[in-house]
């Protein structure tokens, strides 16, 4: 089967590789596995220094016999380990990483790529007390399960402003992270197992950095949000974390989470064909490939080609079945989306442009027919066209609604459905919609783009405060600086208490039967029933109408 035409990148990389101001002192920490010598860094507009420890191994290198195998605990070391440098990224689609670099005009060279990549970065307040028990926030990067790395997500500002320990992890990607044969020889989900291993490392070691292993929050965006949501469902992660935040991605994102065995086999055959391997001996064949060969294979693929799957271990059952049966891990859950998830970045990455002057309905219909990842049937497309476009012929309005349509299918409806399931399980849920366009991207993308996929990360991670000098803020306004402080506060409060609210903040209502949620912009405003009409259309009206049409056809 072909997943190339078109494929979608559900990923986000921050607009630049942020350089935090460095100080001369080097902090030293002793862990279960050995001593680490990090670096002390400074964040703008706060006096609290941050100790950064980079490239800490949380598992053995997944090479040789450990390629396509579950992660194993790291080996201890005797000397002091240099933890002042960023680790290499995992093997991935380097072609798409270069495209992202070009799109955002990033001049800094990309970090090296290596199969030896199971490392994490820890950022902890430099003024912490001995035996501190600070909340821990573990970030999982996005990238469609195919690309990305910890280097793009600096946790120093979050740690400095909010007095938390921030951990940014890496996990195996693409072929080496998620290829599955549907059998025990290659069950897949190795990237998810790496995330579990990182959580286990945190339980064993984070106290040495001033963190509280009994107060761990996982959060991630896009495929990182999907990963967060999957960990909420996995029995292997039970007790390893205590709160979760999924930004623009959940385990109900079907393009990146396969439940059907036939589909798993189809994906296996696709990877085998790309790799020049026999499908029946795919595991053995891939283990013999060189690192360079794996990179070449990855570069020939798209970002939905190697998804996660229901393997019977990490995910014992399909995600929606686990949710419906109320078998999720019992944790407070924050879930949210941006107001134009498919505004610009993802379409650029699948080589689609030309929306500047709008779209007509014929173009929309043609795209819906060709976008196989949407899984829209021949019967569904006319009904979808009527729902979104029946009352307009304005090409700009049609374009905007088309972008909303794709975002609804891929991100928004799965997010709302996840929130409803988790709420019905009796666990606290908080929902948000992020609405503010990314200011530093205004000269990069068209004027019609609203808050695109990944835009919220700039503010959640405190990116405006991470530059080494104030002149590097690239036009970030005072209002946006305040928005960043507000979002860091909401996220950190949730990590502390399972509730984002606190002094000086607009009250964020819990997502209950009234479906209250928070609109996050330069000013914050609670609202209710986010896209309730579209949720009814996709989950009730459309499937029931198609079923009725099928029944009427059988009666003829």
Protein backbone atom coordinates (compact mmCIF):
# COMPACT_ATOMS: atom_id res chain seq x y z
CA UNK A 1 0.00 0.00 0.00
CA UNK A 2 1.17 3.58 -0.53
CA UNK A 3 1.16 6.15 2.24
CA UNK A 4 3.09 8.76 0.30
CA UNK A 5 0.33 10.60 -1.48
CA UNK A 6 -0.39 12.52 0.57
CA UNK A 7 1.12 12.09 3.99
CA UNK A 8 0.74 14.40 6.95
CA UNK A 9 3.29 15.48 9.50
CA UNK A 10 1.68 15.68 12.91
CA UNK A 11 4.63 17.40 14.43
CA UNK A 12 5.88 20.61 15.87
CA UNK A 13 9.37 22.00 16.22
CA UNK A 14 9.90 25.33 17.94
CA UNK A 15 10.77 28.18 15.63
CA UNK A 16 14.43 28.20 16.61
CA UNK A 17 16.92 26.30 18.67
CA UNK A 18 16.75 28.49 21.73
CA UNK A 19 20.04 29.35 23.35
CA UNK A 20 19.82 29.91 27.09
CA UNK A 21 22.31 32.21 28.77
CA UNK A 22 25.06 30.13 30.36
CA UNK A 23 26.90 30.82 33.60
CA UNK A 24 30.37 29.66 34.60
CA UNK A 25 29.56 27.35 37.51
CA UNK A 26 28.99 23.68 36.80
CA UNK A 27 26.56 21.81 39.06
CA UNK A 28 27.31 18.23 40.12
CA UNK A 29 24.69 15.57 40.86
CA UNK A 30 25.13 11.95 41.95
CA UNK A 31 22.53 9.47 40.67
CA UNK A 32 22.06 5.74 41.06
CA UNK A 33 24.17 5.23 37.94
CA UNK A 34 26.97 7.77 38.52
CA UNK A 35 27.96 11.43 38.81
CA UNK A 36 26.83 14.08 36.32
CA UNK A 37 28.45 17.45 35.69
CA UNK A 38 25.92 19.81 34.13
CA UNK A 39 25.79 23.49 33.37
CA UNK A 40 24.18 26.45 35.10
CA UNK A 41 21.99 28.63 32.91
CA UNK A 42 20.14 31.93 33.25
CA UNK A 43 16.63 32.75 32.09
CA UNK A 44 15.43 36.27 31.28
CA UNK A 45 13.25 38.21 33.77
CA UNK A 46 13.92 35.93 36.73
CA UNK A 47 16.75 35.76 39.25
CA UNK A 48 16.43 32.01 39.75
CA UNK A 49 19.27 30.13 38.03
CA UNK A 50 18.67 26.71 36.50
CA UNK A 51 20.91 23.65 36.62
CA UNK A 52 20.77 21.83 33.29
CA UNK A 53 21.92 18.23 32.87
CA UNK A 54 21.92 17.12 29.27
CA UNK A 55 22.24 13.77 27.55
CA UNK A 56 21.58 11.54 30.58
CA UNK A 57 21.21 7.90 29.54
CA UNK A 58 17.98 6.35 30.83
CA UNK A 59 18.53 3.03 29.00
CA UNK A 60 21.30 1.09 27.32
CA UNK A 61 22.03 2.14 23.74
CA UNK A 62 19.44 0.31 21.58
CA UNK A 63 22.05 -1.02 19.19
CA UNK A 64 23.27 -4.47 18.17
CA UNK A 65 21.15 -7.11 19.85
CA UNK A 66 19.04 -4.38 21.47
CA UNK A 67 17.86 -2.98 18.13
CA UNK A 68 14.12 -3.63 17.84
CA UNK A 69 14.03 -4.82 21.46
CA UNK A 70 12.57 -3.39 24.63
CA UNK A 71 14.80 -0.86 26.45
CA UNK A 72 17.14 -2.12 29.15
CA UNK A 73 18.39 -0.20 32.23
CA UNK A 74 21.53 1.88 31.61
CA UNK A 75 25.00 0.77 32.67
CA UNK A 76 26.56 2.67 35.60
CA UNK A 77 29.73 4.70 35.09
CA UNK A 78 32.64 5.39 37.44
CA UNK A 79 34.01 8.73 36.32
CA UNK A 80 32.17 12.06 36.29
CA UNK A 81 30.00 12.18 33.16
CA UNK A 82 29.87 15.36 31.10
CA UNK A 83 26.19 16.41 31.08
CA UNK A 84 26.63 19.86 29.55
CA UNK A 85 26.06 18.92 25.90
CA UNK A 86 22.89 18.06 24.00
CA UNK A 87 22.47 14.39 23.00
CA UNK A 88 22.15 13.23 19.40
CA UNK A 89 18.61 12.80 18.08
CA UNK A 90 17.25 9.35 17.28
CA UNK A 91 17.41 7.98 13.72
CA UNK A 92 14.61 9.68 11.80
CA UNK A 93 13.44 11.23 8.57
CA UNK A 94 16.28 13.69 8.09
CA UNK A 95 14.75 15.00 4.85
CA UNK A 96 11.70 16.31 6.71
CA UNK A 97 13.81 17.80 9.47
CA UNK A 98 15.72 19.76 6.83
CA UNK A 99 12.40 20.92 5.38
CA UNK A 100 11.28 22.24 8.78
CA UNK A 101 14.61 24.03 9.11
CA UNK A 102 14.07 25.64 5.71
CA UNK A 103 10.44 26.60 6.43
CA UNK A 104 11.37 28.44 9.62
CA UNK A 105 14.64 29.82 8.23
CA UNK A 106 16.65 28.19 11.01
CA UNK A 107 20.34 28.89 10.49
CA UNK A 108 21.65 26.76 13.36
CA UNK A 109 22.84 23.34 12.12
CA UNK A 110 20.64 20.41 13.07
CA UNK A 111 22.04 18.26 15.87
CA UNK A 112 23.61 14.92 14.95
CA UNK A 113 21.48 11.81 14.52
CA UNK A 114 22.41 8.45 16.03
CA UNK A 115 20.88 5.09 16.86
CA UNK A 116 22.40 5.57 20.32
CA UNK A 117 19.83 8.14 21.42
CA UNK A 118 17.97 7.08 24.58
CA UNK A 119 18.84 10.16 26.59
CA UNK A 120 16.93 12.78 28.54
CA UNK A 121 17.62 16.33 29.68
CA UNK A 122 16.84 17.57 33.19
CA UNK A 123 16.31 21.22 34.14
CA UNK A 124 16.05 21.94 37.87
CA UNK A 125 16.04 25.16 39.93
CA UNK A 126 19.58 26.08 40.90
CA UNK A 127 18.45 27.45 44.26
CA UNK A 128 16.64 24.28 45.36
CA UNK A 129 17.07 23.13 48.94
CA UNK A 130 18.63 19.81 49.91
CA UNK A 131 15.97 17.10 49.90
CA UNK A 132 13.60 19.30 47.90
CA UNK A 133 10.52 17.57 46.55
CA UNK A 134 9.57 19.69 43.57
CA UNK A 135 6.90 18.73 41.02
CA UNK A 136 8.31 16.95 37.96
CA UNK A 137 7.12 17.67 34.41
CA UNK A 138 8.24 15.16 31.75
CA UNK A 139 7.86 16.44 28.19
CA UNK A 140 7.38 14.11 25.20
CA UNK A 141 8.16 15.73 21.85
CA UNK A 142 5.99 15.48 18.75
CA UNK A 143 6.88 14.69 15.17
CA UNK A 144 4.39 12.09 13.98
CA UNK A 145 6.39 9.38 15.82
CA UNK A 146 8.89 9.86 13.00
CA UNK A 147 11.12 12.84 13.89
CA UNK A 148 12.12 15.31 16.59
CA UNK A 149 14.36 15.46 19.61
CA UNK A 150 14.79 16.80 23.13
CA UNK A 151 17.05 19.63 21.98
CA UNK A 152 14.11 21.61 20.59
CA UNK A 153 12.34 21.79 23.95
CA UNK A 154 14.33 23.65 26.55
CA UNK A 155 12.73 23.36 29.99
CA UNK A 156 14.82 26.05 31.70
CA UNK A 157 12.15 28.79 31.70
CA UNK A 158 9.46 26.50 33.06
CA UNK A 159 11.80 25.42 35.85
CA UNK A 160 12.97 28.96 36.63
CA UNK A 161 9.58 30.67 36.70
CA UNK A 162 7.59 27.86 38.29
CA UNK A 163 10.11 26.11 40.57
CA UNK A 164 9.56 22.70 38.98
CA UNK A 165 11.88 20.03 37.60
CA UNK A 166 11.44 19.73 33.83
CA UNK A 167 12.54 16.61 31.96
CA UNK A 168 12.65 16.37 28.17
CA UNK A 169 13.03 12.84 26.81
CA UNK A 170 13.88 11.13 23.55
CA UNK A 171 12.46 7.87 22.23
CA UNK A 172 13.06 5.67 19.21
CA UNK A 173 11.27 6.86 16.10
CA UNK A 174 10.00 5.64 12.74
CA UNK A 175 11.19 2.22 11.58
CA UNK A 176 13.25 1.41 14.68
CA UNK A 177 10.62 2.80 17.04
CA UNK A 178 7.29 1.57 15.73
CA UNK A 179 7.57 -1.10 13.02
CA UNK A 180 5.35 -4.06 13.87
CA UNK A 181 4.62 -7.42 12.27
CA UNK A 182 1.68 -7.98 14.57
CA UNK A 183 3.52 -10.91 16.15
CA UNK A 184 5.96 -11.52 19.00
CA UNK A 185 9.01 -11.37 16.71
CA UNK A 186 8.39 -7.64 16.15
CA UNK A 187 5.49 -6.34 18.25
CA UNK A 188 6.42 -2.67 17.71
CA UNK A 189 5.78 0.27 20.06
CA UNK A 190 9.44 0.38 21.10
CA UNK A 191 9.20 4.17 21.23
CA UNK A 192 6.35 3.90 23.73
CA UNK A 193 8.35 1.39 25.76
CA UNK A 194 11.21 3.92 25.81
CA UNK A 195 8.83 6.46 27.31
CA UNK A 196 7.91 3.97 30.05
CA UNK A 197 11.64 3.39 30.67
CA UNK A 198 12.16 7.17 31.03
CA UNK A 199 9.38 7.27 33.64
CA UNK A 200 11.01 4.38 35.50
CA UNK A 201 14.32 6.26 35.47
CA UNK A 202 12.54 9.30 36.93
CA UNK A 203 11.12 7.17 39.74
CA UNK A 204 14.64 5.96 40.60
CA UNK A 205 16.66 9.13 40.13
CA UNK A 206 14.70 12.37 40.02
CA UNK A 207 15.01 12.91 43.78
CA UNK A 208 18.73 13.51 43.19
CA UNK A 209 17.72 16.59 41.15
CA UNK A 210 15.28 17.88 43.77
CA UNK A 211 12.25 16.28 42.12
CA UNK A 212 9.41 14.40 43.78
CA UNK A 213 8.85 10.93 42.24
CA UNK A 214 5.36 11.00 43.76
CA UNK A 215 4.43 14.12 41.76
CA UNK A 216 5.21 13.43 38.09
CA UNK A 217 3.23 15.03 35.27
CA UNK A 218 3.63 13.86 31.68
CA UNK A 219 2.91 16.32 28.90
CA UNK A 220 3.42 16.39 25.17
CA UNK A 221 2.26 17.92 21.91
CA UNK A 222 1.03 16.28 18.68
CA UNK A 223 2.56 12.78 18.65
CA UNK A 224 3.77 13.67 22.13
CA UNK A 225 0.15 14.34 23.10
CA UNK A 226 -0.81 11.01 21.56
CA UNK A 227 2.00 9.38 23.57
CA UNK A 228 0.80 11.07 26.76
CA UNK A 229 -2.74 9.84 26.11
CA UNK A 230 -1.46 6.32 25.35
CA UNK A 231 0.49 6.26 28.63
CA UNK A 232 -2.74 7.18 30.43
CA UNK A 233 -4.20 4.00 28.89
CA UNK A 234 -1.24 1.66 29.36
CA UNK A 235 -1.07 -0.71 32.34
CA UNK A 236 2.74 -0.60 32.02
CA UNK A 237 2.74 3.06 33.05
CA UNK A 238 0.44 2.65 36.05
CA UNK A 239 1.83 4.42 39.11
CA UNK A 240 4.74 5.99 37.19
CA UNK A 241 3.03 9.39 36.81
CA UNK A 242 0.24 11.28 38.51
CA UNK A 243 -1.13 13.87 36.06
CA UNK A 244 -1.20 14.21 32.27
CA UNK A 245 -1.47 17.00 29.66
CA UNK A 246 -2.16 16.17 25.99
CA UNK A 247 -1.71 19.09 23.59
CA UNK A 248 -3.11 18.68 20.06
CA UNK A 249 -3.04 14.90 19.99
CA UNK A 250 -4.59 11.90 21.75
CA UNK A 251 -4.54 8.11 21.38
CA UNK A 252 -7.75 8.34 19.33
CA UNK A 253 -5.75 9.86 16.47
CA UNK A 254 -6.30 6.87 14.21
CA UNK A 255 -3.69 7.79 11.61
CA UNK A 256 -0.98 7.33 14.24
CA UNK A 257 -2.52 4.47 16.23
CA UNK A 258 -3.54 1.28 14.41
CA UNK A 259 -5.87 -1.25 16.06
CA UNK A 260 -6.87 -3.48 13.15
CA UNK A 261 -4.59 -6.50 12.60
CA UNK A 262 -5.04 -6.36 8.83
CA UNK A 263 -3.87 -2.76 8.84
CA UNK A 264 -0.82 -3.70 10.94
CA UNK A 265 0.07 -6.38 8.37
CA UNK A 266 -0.45 -3.89 5.54
CA UNK A 267 1.94 -1.46 7.23
CA UNK A 268 4.43 -4.30 7.78
CA UNK A 269 4.35 -5.10 4.07
CA UNK A 270 4.87 -1.44 3.23
CA UNK A 271 7.96 -1.18 5.46
CA UNK A 272 9.28 -4.47 4.04
CA UNK A 273 8.89 -3.17 0.50
CA UNK A 274 10.66 0.09 1.33
CA UNK A 275 13.43 -1.83 3.10
CA UNK A 276 13.94 -4.49 0.47
CA UNK A 277 13.03 -7.18 3.02
CA UNK A 278 10.82 -10.26 2.97
CA UNK A 279 7.74 -9.46 5.12
CA UNK A 280 8.00 -12.86 6.82
CA UNK A 281 11.55 -12.16 8.00
CA UNK A 282 11.28 -8.40 8.43
CA UNK A 283 12.64 -8.30 12.00
CA UNK A 284 15.76 -10.28 11.14
CA UNK A 285 16.32 -8.25 7.96
CA UNK A 286 16.01 -4.85 9.68
CA UNK A 287 18.43 -5.91 12.41
CA UNK A 288 21.08 -6.47 9.74
CA UNK A 289 20.70 -3.04 8.13
CA UNK A 290 23.38 -0.45 8.75
CA UNK A 291 22.55 2.86 10.38
CA UNK A 292 23.03 4.58 7.04
CA UNK A 293 20.63 2.15 5.35
CA UNK A 294 18.00 2.79 8.02
CA UNK A 295 18.34 6.54 7.45
CA UNK A 296 17.91 6.13 3.69
CA UNK A 297 14.79 4.03 4.20
CA UNK A 298 13.37 6.58 6.66
CA UNK A 299 13.99 9.43 4.23
CA UNK A 300 11.90 7.63 1.61
CA UNK A 301 8.84 7.52 3.85
CA UNK A 302 6.19 9.91 5.13
CA UNK A 303 5.07 10.86 8.59
CA UNK A 304 2.07 8.57 8.93
CA UNK A 305 3.76 5.51 7.56
CA UNK A 306 4.93 3.85 10.80
CA UNK A 307 2.29 4.39 13.49
CA UNK A 308 1.88 2.96 16.95
CA UNK A 309 -0.36 -0.07 17.32
CA UNK A 310 -2.38 -2.20 19.70
CA UNK A 311 0.23 -4.78 20.68
CA UNK A 312 -1.51 -6.57 23.55
CA UNK A 313 1.14 -5.41 26.03
CA UNK A 314 1.66 -1.65 26.08
CA UNK A 315 -1.88 -1.31 24.77
CA UNK A 316 -3.84 -4.48 25.61
CA UNK A 317 -6.92 -3.29 23.69
CA UNK A 318 -7.85 -0.53 21.22
CA UNK A 319 -7.67 2.91 22.89
CA UNK A 320 -11.36 3.69 22.59
CA UNK A 321 -12.27 0.33 24.11
CA UNK A 322 -10.00 1.00 27.10
CA UNK A 323 -11.56 4.44 27.53
CA UNK A 324 -15.14 3.17 27.16
CA UNK A 325 -14.50 0.39 29.69
CA UNK A 326 -13.08 2.94 32.16
CA UNK A 327 -9.76 1.11 32.40
CA UNK A 328 -7.52 4.18 32.08
CA UNK A 329 -4.96 5.13 34.70
CA UNK A 330 -6.62 7.21 37.39
CA UNK A 331 -5.05 10.65 36.94
CA UNK A 332 -6.25 14.24 36.37
CA UNK A 333 -6.06 15.02 32.66
CA UNK A 334 -5.69 18.33 30.78
CA UNK A 335 -6.52 18.15 27.07
CA UNK A 336 -6.60 20.85 24.41
CA UNK A 337 -6.28 21.94 20.80
CA UNK A 338 -5.34 25.03 18.81
CA UNK A 339 -7.95 26.86 16.77
CA UNK A 340 -6.40 26.07 13.37
CA UNK A 341 -4.45 22.82 13.72
CA UNK A 342 -3.97 22.49 9.96
CA UNK A 343 -3.35 26.15 9.23
CA UNK A 344 0.06 26.07 7.59
CA UNK A 345 2.89 23.86 8.89
CA UNK A 346 1.47 20.44 8.08
CA UNK A 347 0.35 21.38 4.58
CA UNK A 348 3.77 22.82 3.84
CA UNK A 349 5.34 19.54 4.90
CA UNK A 350 3.21 17.56 2.45
CA UNK A 351 4.17 20.03 -0.27
CA UNK A 352 0.76 21.67 -0.48
CA UNK A 353 0.42 25.43 -0.81
CA UNK A 354 -1.51 27.94 -2.89
CA UNK A 355 -4.23 28.59 -0.31
CA UNK A 356 -3.35 32.28 -0.06
CA UNK A 357 -6.13 33.33 -2.44
CA UNK A 358 -8.69 30.84 -1.17
CA UNK A 359 -10.19 27.57 -2.45
CA UNK A 360 -13.26 26.56 -4.42
CA UNK A 361 -15.55 23.66 -3.57
CA UNK A 362 -14.32 21.51 -6.45
CA UNK A 363 -10.77 21.68 -5.09
CA UNK A 364 -12.00 20.79 -1.61
CA UNK A 365 -13.94 17.77 -2.88
CA UNK A 366 -10.95 16.55 -4.87
CA UNK A 367 -8.67 16.85 -1.84
CA UNK A 368 -11.12 15.02 0.42
CA UNK A 369 -11.24 12.18 -2.10
CA UNK A 370 -7.45 11.96 -2.27
CA UNK A 371 -6.72 12.33 1.47
CA UNK A 372 -7.00 8.64 2.32
CA UNK A 373 -5.77 9.19 5.87
CA UNK A 374 -9.08 10.94 6.58
CA UNK A 375 -10.91 7.65 5.95
CA UNK A 376 -13.87 9.43 4.34
CA UNK A 377 -16.04 7.09 2.29
CA UNK A 378 -17.69 7.93 -1.00
CA UNK A 379 -21.01 8.32 0.83
CA UNK A 380 -19.53 10.56 3.51
CA UNK A 381 -17.93 13.23 1.31
CA UNK A 382 -21.19 14.85 0.02
CA UNK A 383 -22.51 14.98 3.58
CA UNK A 384 -19.30 16.59 4.81
CA UNK A 385 -19.40 19.11 1.96
CA UNK A 386 -22.95 20.06 2.93
CA UNK A 387 -22.08 20.40 6.63
CA UNK A 388 -19.10 22.71 6.10
CA UNK A 389 -19.69 24.55 2.82
CA UNK A 390 -23.39 24.63 1.87
CA UNK A 391 -23.95 28.27 2.85
CA UNK A 392 -20.95 29.95 1.21
CA UNK A 393 -19.21 30.47 -2.12
CA UNK A 394 -16.57 32.83 -0.73
CA UNK A 395 -13.23 31.21 -1.56
CA UNK A 396 -11.52 32.58 1.56
CA UNK A 397 -14.29 31.25 3.79
CA UNK A 398 -14.16 27.89 2.00
CA UNK A 399 -10.39 27.73 2.57
CA UNK A 400 -10.74 28.51 6.27
CA UNK A 401 -13.51 25.96 6.73
CA UNK A 402 -11.50 23.33 4.85
CA UNK A 403 -8.62 23.86 7.26
CA UNK A 404 -11.06 23.57 10.16
CA UNK A 405 -12.54 20.40 8.67
CA UNK A 406 -9.17 18.64 8.51
CA UNK A 407 -8.32 19.79 12.02
CA UNK A 408 -11.69 18.61 13.32
CA UNK A 409 -11.25 15.10 11.92
CA UNK A 410 -7.63 14.64 12.89
CA UNK A 411 -7.24 16.52 16.18
CA UNK A 412 -10.32 18.24 17.62
CA UNK A 413 -13.01 15.53 17.62
CA UNK A 414 -10.61 12.87 19.02
CA UNK A 415 -9.59 15.36 21.75
CA UNK A 416 -13.20 16.10 22.74
CA UNK A 417 -14.05 12.40 22.68
CA UNK A 418 -11.05 11.62 24.91
CA UNK A 419 -12.10 14.34 27.35
CA UNK A 420 -15.64 12.98 27.53
CA UNK A 421 -14.47 9.41 28.14
CA UNK A 422 -12.05 10.48 30.86
CA UNK A 423 -14.70 12.66 32.49
CA UNK A 424 -17.13 9.73 32.55
CA UNK A 425 -14.48 7.66 34.32
CA UNK A 426 -14.75 10.11 37.20
CA UNK A 427 -11.32 11.72 36.87
CA UNK A 428 -10.77 15.51 36.80
CA UNK A 429 -10.55 16.88 33.25
CA UNK A 430 -9.63 20.39 32.11
CA UNK A 431 -10.02 21.36 28.44
CA UNK A 432 -8.64 24.35 26.49
CA UNK A 433 -8.65 25.97 23.08
CA UNK A 434 -5.54 28.00 22.26
CA UNK A 435 -6.27 30.97 19.97
CA UNK A 436 -3.23 33.25 19.73
CA UNK A 437 -1.21 33.15 16.48
CA UNK A 438 2.53 32.77 16.90
CA UNK A 439 3.95 36.28 16.62
CA UNK A 440 7.48 35.23 15.71
CA UNK A 441 6.07 33.38 12.66
CA UNK A 442 4.21 36.36 11.19
CA UNK A 443 6.85 36.95 8.51
CA UNK A 444 7.04 33.25 7.67
CA UNK A 445 3.47 32.20 6.99
CA UNK A 446 0.36 33.75 5.36
CA UNK A 447 -1.83 36.29 7.13
CA UNK A 448 -4.88 34.00 7.23
CA UNK A 449 -3.18 31.48 9.53
CA UNK A 450 -4.58 31.53 13.06
CA UNK A 451 -3.10 29.46 15.90
CA UNK A 452 -1.39 26.68 14.00
CA UNK A 453 -0.34 23.21 15.13
CA UNK A 454 2.29 23.58 17.84
CA UNK A 455 1.97 27.34 18.36
CA UNK A 456 1.09 26.98 22.06
CA UNK A 457 4.47 25.38 22.83
CA UNK A 458 6.25 28.70 22.34
CA UNK A 459 4.32 30.02 25.33
CA UNK A 460 4.07 26.85 27.44
CA UNK A 461 7.86 26.38 27.36
CA UNK A 462 8.57 30.06 28.07
CA UNK A 463 10.46 30.47 24.80
CA UNK A 464 10.46 34.29 24.91
CA UNK A 465 12.63 34.09 28.04
CA UNK A 466 15.14 31.55 26.78
CA UNK A 467 17.22 33.73 24.48
CA UNK A 468 20.62 34.80 25.67
CA UNK A 469 19.69 38.47 25.28
CA UNK A 470 16.50 40.49 25.13
CA UNK A 471 17.13 41.66 21.54
CA UNK A 472 16.57 38.10 20.30
CA UNK A 473 12.86 38.03 21.07
CA UNK A 474 11.97 38.61 17.40
CA UNK A 475 9.13 41.03 18.02
CA UNK A 476 7.42 39.20 20.86
CA UNK A 477 5.12 41.75 22.50
CA UNK A 478 4.68 42.44 26.20
CA UNK A 479 1.23 40.88 25.98
CA UNK A 480 2.73 37.70 24.57
CA UNK A 481 5.37 37.64 27.29
CA UNK A 482 2.56 37.81 29.83
CA UNK A 483 0.65 35.09 27.98
CA UNK A 484 3.70 32.86 28.26
CA UNK A 485 3.96 33.50 32.00
CA UNK A 486 0.24 32.77 32.38
CA UNK A 487 0.41 29.49 30.48
CA UNK A 488 3.49 28.35 32.37
CA UNK A 489 1.58 29.11 35.57
CA UNK A 490 -1.51 27.16 34.48
CA UNK A 491 0.56 24.16 33.36
CA UNK A 492 2.73 24.16 36.51
CA UNK A 493 -0.27 24.57 38.82
CA UNK A 494 -1.82 21.53 37.19
CA UNK A 495 1.45 19.67 37.72
CA UNK A 496 1.45 20.67 41.39
CA UNK A 497 -2.20 20.11 42.25
CA UNK A 498 -4.07 18.47 39.39
CA UNK A 499 -5.86 21.80 38.98
CA UNK A 500 -4.55 24.69 36.82
CA UNK A 501 -6.12 27.41 38.96
CA UNK A 502 -4.27 29.70 41.33
CA UNK A 503 -3.97 33.30 42.59
CA UNK A 504 -4.06 35.99 39.91
CA UNK A 505 -5.37 33.69 37.17
CA UNK A 506 -8.71 33.68 35.38
CA UNK A 507 -10.75 30.81 36.84
CA UNK A 508 -10.44 27.70 34.61
CA UNK A 509 -13.61 25.60 35.00
CA UNK A 510 -13.47 21.83 35.18
CA UNK A 511 -14.77 19.98 32.10
CA UNK A 512 -18.03 18.48 33.34
CA UNK A 513 -21.54 17.92 31.96
CA UNK A 514 -21.75 21.55 30.84
CA UNK A 515 -18.51 20.98 28.87
CA UNK A 516 -16.87 24.12 30.26
CA UNK A 517 -13.39 24.90 28.94
CA UNK A 518 -10.85 27.72 28.79
CA UNK A 519 -10.08 29.90 25.78
CA UNK A 520 -6.39 30.81 26.00
CA UNK A 521 -5.40 34.05 24.29
CA UNK A 522 -3.80 37.34 25.33
CA UNK A 523 -6.84 37.46 27.57
CA UNK A 524 -8.28 34.24 28.97
CA UNK A 525 -11.99 33.49 28.94
CA UNK A 526 -13.98 30.45 30.05
CA UNK A 527 -16.59 29.12 27.64
CA UNK A 528 -18.78 26.05 27.12
CA UNK A 529 -19.48 23.30 24.57
CA UNK A 530 -16.44 23.62 22.33
CA UNK A 531 -17.46 22.68 18.75
CA UNK A 532 -20.49 20.84 20.09
CA UNK A 533 -22.27 21.00 16.71
CA UNK A 534 -19.33 19.46 14.86
CA UNK A 535 -18.95 16.78 17.53
CA UNK A 536 -22.58 15.76 17.01
CA UNK A 537 -22.08 15.75 13.24
CA UNK A 538 -19.00 13.51 13.26
CA UNK A 539 -20.06 11.11 16.02
CA UNK A 540 -23.84 10.89 15.45
CA UNK A 541 -25.34 12.60 12.39
CA UNK A 542 -22.83 11.38 9.80
CA UNK A 543 -22.59 7.70 10.84
CA UNK A 544 -26.36 7.44 11.38
CA UNK A 545 -27.12 9.03 8.00
CA UNK A 546 -24.71 6.68 6.21
CA UNK A 547 -26.21 3.70 8.01
CA UNK A 548 -29.72 4.78 7.00
CA UNK A 549 -28.60 5.18 3.37
CA UNK A 550 -27.13 1.67 3.41
CA UNK A 551 -30.31 0.20 4.87
CA UNK A 552 -32.46 1.93 2.25
CA UNK A 553 -30.21 0.61 -0.51
CA UNK A 554 -30.54 -2.96 0.79
CA UNK A 555 -34.33 -2.64 0.78
CA UNK A 556 -34.41 -1.75 -2.93
